[in-house]
N, C-alpha and C. Protein backbone atom coordinates (compact mmCIF):
# COMPACT_ATOMS: atom_id res chain seq x y z
N UNK A 1 78.57 94.05 94.02
CA UNK A 1 78.08 95.25 93.38
C UNK A 1 78.63 95.44 91.96
N UNK A 2 79.54 94.57 91.53
CA UNK A 2 80.18 94.73 90.23
C UNK A 2 79.63 93.72 89.24
N UNK A 3 79.65 94.06 87.96
CA UNK A 3 79.23 93.12 86.93
C UNK A 3 80.17 91.93 86.93
N UNK A 4 81.45 92.18 87.06
CA UNK A 4 82.45 91.12 87.11
C UNK A 4 83.45 91.47 88.20
N UNK A 5 83.84 90.52 88.99
CA UNK A 5 84.86 90.77 89.99
C UNK A 5 84.40 90.64 91.43
N UNK A 6 83.14 90.30 91.66
CA UNK A 6 82.67 90.15 93.04
C UNK A 6 83.46 89.09 93.80
N UNK A 7 83.76 87.98 93.13
CA UNK A 7 84.53 86.92 93.77
C UNK A 7 85.93 87.38 94.13
N UNK A 8 86.54 88.17 93.23
CA UNK A 8 87.87 88.71 93.51
C UNK A 8 87.84 89.59 94.76
N UNK A 9 86.84 90.44 94.84
CA UNK A 9 86.70 91.32 96.00
C UNK A 9 86.48 90.50 97.26
N UNK A 10 85.63 89.49 97.19
CA UNK A 10 85.36 88.64 98.36
C UNK A 10 86.62 87.92 98.81
N UNK A 11 87.39 87.39 97.86
CA UNK A 11 88.64 86.70 98.23
C UNK A 11 89.65 87.68 98.81
N UNK A 12 89.72 88.89 98.27
CA UNK A 12 90.62 89.91 98.80
C UNK A 12 90.24 90.27 100.23
N UNK A 13 88.96 90.46 100.48
CA UNK A 13 88.50 90.79 101.83
C UNK A 13 88.84 89.65 102.79
N UNK A 14 88.60 88.41 102.35
CA UNK A 14 88.94 87.26 103.19
C UNK A 14 90.43 87.23 103.50
N UNK A 15 91.27 87.40 102.47
CA UNK A 15 92.72 87.44 102.67
C UNK A 15 93.09 88.56 103.65
N UNK A 16 92.49 89.73 103.49
CA UNK A 16 92.80 90.87 104.35
C UNK A 16 92.44 90.59 105.81
N UNK A 17 91.26 90.04 106.03
CA UNK A 17 90.85 89.73 107.40
C UNK A 17 91.75 88.67 108.03
N UNK A 18 92.03 87.62 107.28
CA UNK A 18 92.90 86.57 107.81
C UNK A 18 94.32 87.09 108.04
N UNK A 19 94.83 87.87 107.09
CA UNK A 19 96.18 88.42 107.21
C UNK A 19 96.32 89.37 108.39
N UNK A 20 95.25 90.05 108.73
CA UNK A 20 95.26 90.95 109.88
C UNK A 20 95.65 90.21 111.16
N UNK A 21 95.30 88.93 111.22
CA UNK A 21 95.61 88.10 112.38
C UNK A 21 96.70 87.09 112.08
N UNK A 22 97.46 87.38 111.02
CA UNK A 22 98.63 86.60 110.61
C UNK A 22 98.30 85.16 110.21
N UNK A 23 97.15 84.99 109.60
CA UNK A 23 96.79 83.70 109.00
C UNK A 23 96.81 83.90 107.49
N UNK A 24 97.56 83.07 106.79
CA UNK A 24 97.70 83.22 105.35
C UNK A 24 97.33 81.92 104.64
N UNK A 25 96.33 81.99 103.77
CA UNK A 25 95.95 80.79 103.01
C UNK A 25 97.11 80.34 102.12
N UNK A 26 97.33 79.05 102.06
CA UNK A 26 98.40 78.50 101.24
C UNK A 26 97.93 78.18 99.83
N UNK A 27 96.64 77.88 99.69
CA UNK A 27 96.13 77.42 98.39
C UNK A 27 94.80 78.07 98.05
N UNK A 28 94.67 79.35 98.25
CA UNK A 28 93.41 80.04 97.97
C UNK A 28 93.72 81.37 97.32
N UNK A 29 93.94 81.38 95.99
CA UNK A 29 94.38 82.61 95.32
C UNK A 29 93.26 83.63 95.17
N UNK A 30 93.67 84.88 95.12
CA UNK A 30 92.72 85.95 94.80
C UNK A 30 92.48 85.94 93.29
N UNK A 31 93.55 85.85 92.51
CA UNK A 31 93.51 85.84 91.06
C UNK A 31 94.46 84.77 90.58
N UNK A 32 94.11 83.87 89.73
CA UNK A 32 92.78 83.71 89.16
C UNK A 32 91.84 83.03 90.14
N UNK A 33 90.58 83.02 89.79
CA UNK A 33 89.57 82.35 90.62
C UNK A 33 89.93 80.88 90.74
N UNK A 34 89.85 80.32 91.93
CA UNK A 34 90.08 78.88 92.05
C UNK A 34 89.11 78.13 91.14
N UNK A 35 89.64 77.20 90.36
CA UNK A 35 88.82 76.47 89.40
C UNK A 35 88.71 75.00 89.78
N UNK A 36 88.99 74.70 91.02
CA UNK A 36 88.96 73.31 91.49
C UNK A 36 87.50 72.88 91.64
N UNK A 37 87.16 71.65 91.20
CA UNK A 37 85.77 71.19 91.33
C UNK A 37 85.21 71.25 92.75
N UNK A 38 86.04 71.00 93.75
CA UNK A 38 85.57 71.07 95.14
C UNK A 38 85.18 72.51 95.50
N UNK A 39 85.97 73.47 95.04
CA UNK A 39 85.65 74.89 95.28
C UNK A 39 84.34 75.26 94.59
N UNK A 40 84.20 74.87 93.34
CA UNK A 40 83.00 75.21 92.59
C UNK A 40 81.75 74.59 93.22
N UNK A 41 81.87 73.36 93.70
CA UNK A 41 80.75 72.71 94.39
C UNK A 41 80.44 73.42 95.70
N UNK A 42 81.48 73.85 96.42
CA UNK A 42 81.28 74.56 97.69
C UNK A 42 80.57 75.89 97.46
N UNK A 43 80.93 76.58 96.38
CA UNK A 43 80.26 77.84 96.05
C UNK A 43 78.79 77.58 95.74
N UNK A 44 78.52 76.53 94.96
CA UNK A 44 77.14 76.19 94.62
C UNK A 44 76.34 75.91 95.90
N UNK A 45 76.92 75.11 96.81
CA UNK A 45 76.22 74.79 98.05
C UNK A 45 75.98 76.05 98.89
N UNK A 46 76.97 76.94 98.91
CA UNK A 46 76.82 78.19 99.65
C UNK A 46 75.64 79.00 99.11
N UNK A 47 75.53 79.05 97.80
CA UNK A 47 74.43 79.80 97.18
C UNK A 47 73.07 79.16 97.45
N UNK A 48 73.08 77.88 97.82
CA UNK A 48 71.85 77.18 98.18
C UNK A 48 71.53 77.32 99.67
N UNK A 49 72.41 78.00 100.41
CA UNK A 49 72.16 78.24 101.83
C UNK A 49 72.98 77.38 102.77
N UNK A 50 73.84 76.52 102.23
CA UNK A 50 74.67 75.64 103.06
C UNK A 50 76.11 76.15 103.01
N UNK A 51 76.56 76.79 104.07
CA UNK A 51 77.90 77.38 104.06
C UNK A 51 78.99 76.43 104.54
N UNK A 52 78.64 75.26 105.04
CA UNK A 52 79.61 74.35 105.64
C UNK A 52 80.69 73.91 104.66
N UNK A 53 80.34 73.59 103.43
CA UNK A 53 81.33 73.12 102.46
C UNK A 53 82.35 74.21 102.14
N UNK A 54 81.91 75.45 101.97
CA UNK A 54 82.83 76.54 101.66
C UNK A 54 83.72 76.86 102.85
N UNK A 55 83.16 76.83 104.04
CA UNK A 55 83.97 77.06 105.24
C UNK A 55 85.05 75.99 105.36
N UNK A 56 84.68 74.74 105.13
CA UNK A 56 85.66 73.65 105.19
C UNK A 56 86.73 73.80 104.14
N UNK A 57 86.34 74.21 102.93
CA UNK A 57 87.31 74.39 101.85
C UNK A 57 88.34 75.47 102.22
N UNK A 58 87.85 76.60 102.72
CA UNK A 58 88.75 77.69 103.10
C UNK A 58 89.67 77.24 104.23
N UNK A 59 89.14 76.54 105.21
CA UNK A 59 89.98 76.07 106.32
C UNK A 59 91.05 75.10 105.83
N UNK A 60 90.70 74.22 104.90
CA UNK A 60 91.70 73.29 104.36
C UNK A 60 92.78 74.04 103.58
N UNK A 61 92.42 75.15 102.96
CA UNK A 61 93.40 75.96 102.23
C UNK A 61 94.38 76.66 103.16
N UNK A 62 94.04 76.72 104.43
CA UNK A 62 94.94 77.33 105.41
C UNK A 62 96.09 76.40 105.76
N UNK A 63 95.93 75.12 105.49
CA UNK A 63 96.97 74.15 105.82
C UNK A 63 98.04 74.13 104.75
N UNK A 64 99.30 73.92 105.13
CA UNK A 64 100.35 73.78 104.12
C UNK A 64 100.07 72.57 103.23
N UNK A 65 100.51 72.66 101.98
CA UNK A 65 100.32 71.54 101.06
C UNK A 65 101.15 70.35 101.51
N UNK A 66 100.57 69.17 101.33
CA UNK A 66 101.30 67.95 101.67
C UNK A 66 102.30 67.67 100.57
N UNK A 67 103.44 67.17 100.96
CA UNK A 67 104.48 66.88 99.97
C UNK A 67 104.45 65.44 99.57
């Protein structure tokens, strides 16, 4: 509903829902917007009607970073 900031709101809502059940993304910031090419491609695919790439990206962000 905003000219700018819809993604921020969506990420905040996602964080809030996951946090409610004690799941915290390790690599999925609210601010700034993730600028990773895989994220951007997943968003594009989602807008085309394919949500699988974005769901997979978010799930991978739930895992701790490999050292």
